[in-house]
């Protein structure tokens, strides 16, 4: 789904995009890729935009874990 279209469409398309970004973030984190932070952050922002408190909380939790678990050189 196109990010721009999801932001302009209904809440369900935004929720779907937020969930997809969560999954992307998990994959990136498992691969120890710093890009996971951007995916989790975007998911959090979308969840906040549509007023989905539980999804916002999950995104915030995953964002915090990403910061804690990413390997730093």
N, C-alpha and C. Protein backbone atom coordinates (compact mmCIF):
# COMPACT_ATOMS: atom_id res chain seq x y z
N UNK A 1 0.84 -1.17 0.00
CA UNK A 1 0.00 0.00 0.00
C UNK A 1 0.89 1.24 0.00
N UNK A 2 0.49 2.22 -0.76
CA UNK A 2 1.20 3.48 -0.87
C UNK A 2 1.03 4.27 0.42
N UNK A 3 2.15 4.74 0.99
CA UNK A 3 2.08 5.46 2.27
C UNK A 3 1.23 6.72 2.17
N UNK A 4 1.38 7.46 1.08
CA UNK A 4 0.60 8.68 0.92
C UNK A 4 -0.89 8.40 0.86
N UNK A 5 -1.27 7.38 0.15
CA UNK A 5 -2.68 7.01 0.03
C UNK A 5 -3.23 6.54 1.38
N UNK A 6 -2.44 5.80 2.10
CA UNK A 6 -2.90 5.29 3.40
C UNK A 6 -3.17 6.44 4.37
N UNK A 7 -2.39 7.47 4.29
CA UNK A 7 -2.59 8.60 5.21
C UNK A 7 -3.86 9.36 4.87
N UNK A 8 -4.28 9.34 3.60
CA UNK A 8 -5.47 10.09 3.19
C UNK A 8 -6.74 9.25 3.24
N UNK A 9 -6.61 7.96 3.30
CA UNK A 9 -7.76 7.06 3.30
C UNK A 9 -8.34 6.92 4.70
N UNK A 10 -9.10 5.89 4.88
CA UNK A 10 -9.76 5.66 6.16
C UNK A 10 -8.79 5.09 7.21
N UNK A 11 -9.30 4.99 8.42
CA UNK A 11 -8.48 4.52 9.55
C UNK A 11 -7.98 3.10 9.34
N UNK A 12 -8.77 2.25 8.70
CA UNK A 12 -8.33 0.87 8.51
C UNK A 12 -7.10 0.77 7.64
N UNK A 13 -7.01 1.60 6.60
CA UNK A 13 -5.81 1.56 5.77
C UNK A 13 -4.60 2.08 6.54
N UNK A 14 -4.81 3.07 7.40
CA UNK A 14 -3.72 3.57 8.23
C UNK A 14 -3.29 2.52 9.25
N UNK A 15 -4.25 1.82 9.82
CA UNK A 15 -3.94 0.77 10.79
C UNK A 15 -3.18 -0.37 10.10
N UNK A 16 -3.58 -0.70 8.88
CA UNK A 16 -2.89 -1.76 8.13
C UNK A 16 -1.46 -1.36 7.84
N UNK A 17 -1.25 -0.11 7.43
CA UNK A 17 0.11 0.36 7.17
C UNK A 17 0.94 0.35 8.45
N UNK A 18 0.36 0.78 9.57
CA UNK A 18 1.08 0.77 10.85
C UNK A 18 1.49 -0.65 11.23
N UNK A 19 0.59 -1.61 11.04
CA UNK A 19 0.91 -3.01 11.36
C UNK A 19 2.00 -3.55 10.43
N UNK A 20 1.94 -3.18 9.16
CA UNK A 20 2.97 -3.62 8.22
C UNK A 20 4.33 -3.04 8.58
N UNK A 21 4.33 -1.80 9.01
CA UNK A 21 5.59 -1.18 9.44
C UNK A 21 6.15 -1.85 10.69
N UNK A 22 5.26 -2.30 11.58
CA UNK A 22 5.70 -3.05 12.76
C UNK A 22 6.43 -4.32 12.33
N UNK A 23 5.82 -5.04 11.38
CA UNK A 23 6.44 -6.28 10.91
C UNK A 23 7.78 -6.00 10.24
N UNK A 24 7.83 -4.95 9.43
CA UNK A 24 9.09 -4.57 8.79
C UNK A 24 10.14 -4.25 9.85
N UNK A 25 9.73 -3.51 10.87
CA UNK A 25 10.66 -3.16 11.95
C UNK A 25 11.21 -4.40 12.65
N UNK A 26 10.35 -5.39 12.88
CA UNK A 26 10.80 -6.62 13.53
C UNK A 26 11.82 -7.35 12.67
N UNK A 27 11.56 -7.43 11.38
CA UNK A 27 12.50 -8.09 10.47
C UNK A 27 13.83 -7.35 10.47
N UNK A 28 13.77 -6.03 10.37
CA UNK A 28 15.00 -5.24 10.35
C UNK A 28 15.76 -5.36 11.66
N UNK A 29 15.04 -5.38 12.77
CA UNK A 29 15.73 -5.51 14.06
C UNK A 29 16.40 -6.87 14.19
N UNK A 30 15.73 -7.92 13.73
CA UNK A 30 16.33 -9.26 13.77
C UNK A 30 17.60 -9.33 12.93
N UNK A 31 17.66 -8.50 11.89
CA UNK A 31 18.85 -8.45 11.04
C UNK A 31 19.87 -7.43 11.56
N UNK A 32 19.58 -6.85 12.74
CA UNK A 32 20.46 -5.86 13.37
C UNK A 32 20.67 -4.64 12.49
N UNK A 33 19.58 -4.20 11.89
CA UNK A 33 19.62 -3.03 11.00
C UNK A 33 18.99 -1.84 11.69
N UNK A 34 19.69 -0.75 11.68
CA UNK A 34 19.22 0.46 12.34
C UNK A 34 17.97 1.06 11.73
N UNK A 35 17.65 0.66 10.50
CA UNK A 35 16.45 1.18 9.84
C UNK A 35 15.18 0.80 10.59
N UNK A 36 15.27 -0.19 11.47
CA UNK A 36 14.08 -0.61 12.23
C UNK A 36 13.54 0.54 13.06
N UNK A 37 14.42 1.43 13.50
CA UNK A 37 13.98 2.56 14.32
C UNK A 37 13.00 3.43 13.52
N UNK A 38 13.32 3.69 12.26
CA UNK A 38 12.43 4.51 11.42
C UNK A 38 11.09 3.82 11.20
N UNK A 39 11.11 2.51 11.00
CA UNK A 39 9.87 1.76 10.78
C UNK A 39 9.00 1.80 12.03
N UNK A 40 9.59 1.55 13.20
CA UNK A 40 8.83 1.59 14.44
C UNK A 40 8.31 3.00 14.72
N UNK A 41 9.12 4.00 14.42
CA UNK A 41 8.72 5.39 14.66
C UNK A 41 7.54 5.78 13.77
N UNK A 42 7.61 5.39 12.50
CA UNK A 42 6.51 5.70 11.59
C UNK A 42 5.23 4.98 12.01
N UNK A 43 5.37 3.75 12.45
CA UNK A 43 4.23 3.00 12.94
C UNK A 43 3.62 3.69 14.15
N UNK A 44 4.46 4.15 15.06
CA UNK A 44 3.99 4.88 16.24
C UNK A 44 3.24 6.14 15.84
N UNK A 45 3.81 6.91 14.93
CA UNK A 45 3.18 8.16 14.49
C UNK A 45 1.82 7.90 13.86
N UNK A 46 1.71 6.87 13.03
CA UNK A 46 0.43 6.54 12.42
C UNK A 46 -0.60 6.14 13.47
N UNK A 47 -0.18 5.31 14.41
CA UNK A 47 -1.10 4.87 15.46
C UNK A 47 -1.59 6.06 16.28
N UNK A 48 -0.70 7.00 16.56
CA UNK A 48 -1.08 8.21 17.29
C UNK A 48 -2.08 9.03 16.48
N UNK A 49 -1.83 9.13 15.18
CA UNK A 49 -2.69 9.90 14.29
C UNK A 49 -4.13 9.42 14.31
N UNK A 50 -4.31 8.11 14.36
CA UNK A 50 -5.66 7.57 14.31
C UNK A 50 -6.23 7.30 15.71
N UNK A 51 -5.47 7.62 16.73
CA UNK A 51 -5.95 7.46 18.10
C UNK A 51 -6.02 6.03 18.58
N UNK A 52 -5.12 5.19 18.07
CA UNK A 52 -5.08 3.78 18.48
C UNK A 52 -4.05 3.62 19.60
N UNK A 53 -4.54 3.75 20.83
CA UNK A 53 -3.66 3.68 22.00
C UNK A 53 -2.88 2.38 22.13
N UNK A 54 -3.54 1.22 22.01
CA UNK A 54 -2.81 -0.03 22.13
C UNK A 54 -1.71 -0.19 21.07
N UNK A 55 -2.01 0.18 19.84
CA UNK A 55 -1.00 0.08 18.78
C UNK A 55 0.15 1.06 19.04
N UNK A 56 -0.17 2.24 19.56
CA UNK A 56 0.86 3.22 19.92
C UNK A 56 1.79 2.66 20.99
N UNK A 57 1.19 2.00 21.97
CA UNK A 57 1.97 1.43 23.07
C UNK A 57 2.90 0.33 22.56
N UNK A 58 2.40 -0.52 21.69
CA UNK A 58 3.22 -1.60 21.13
C UNK A 58 4.37 -1.00 20.32
N UNK A 59 4.08 0.02 19.53
CA UNK A 59 5.13 0.67 18.73
C UNK A 59 6.19 1.30 19.63
N UNK A 60 5.75 1.97 20.68
CA UNK A 60 6.70 2.60 21.60
C UNK A 60 7.58 1.55 22.28
N UNK A 61 6.97 0.45 22.69
CA UNK A 61 7.71 -0.64 23.31
C UNK A 61 8.77 -1.20 22.35
N UNK A 62 8.36 -1.45 21.11
CA UNK A 62 9.30 -1.99 20.13
C UNK A 62 10.39 -1.00 19.78
N UNK A 63 10.06 0.27 19.74
CA UNK A 63 11.05 1.31 19.48
C UNK A 63 12.09 1.33 20.60
N UNK A 64 11.63 1.27 21.83
CA UNK A 64 12.56 1.23 22.97
C UNK A 64 13.44 0.00 22.95
N UNK A 65 12.86 -1.15 22.64
CA UNK A 65 13.66 -2.37 22.55
C UNK A 65 14.69 -2.30 21.44
N UNK A 66 14.33 -1.66 20.36
CA UNK A 66 15.28 -1.52 19.25
C UNK A 66 16.50 -0.73 19.73
N UNK A 67 16.26 0.35 20.45
CA UNK A 67 17.38 1.14 20.97
C UNK A 67 18.23 0.33 21.95
N UNK A 68 17.59 -0.53 22.73
CA UNK A 68 18.33 -1.32 23.71
C UNK A 68 19.12 -2.48 23.09
N UNK A 69 18.60 -3.06 22.03
CA UNK A 69 19.18 -4.29 21.51
C UNK A 69 20.05 -4.13 20.29
N UNK A 70 20.00 -2.99 19.63
CA UNK A 70 20.83 -2.83 18.44
C UNK A 70 22.30 -2.85 18.84
N UNK A 71 23.08 -3.55 18.08
CA UNK A 71 24.52 -3.61 18.36
C UNK A 71 25.18 -2.33 17.85
N UNK A 72 25.97 -1.76 18.67
CA UNK A 72 26.67 -0.53 18.31
C UNK A 72 28.15 -0.85 18.12
N UNK A 73 28.71 -0.23 17.12
CA UNK A 73 30.15 -0.44 16.85
C UNK A 73 31.01 0.49 17.66
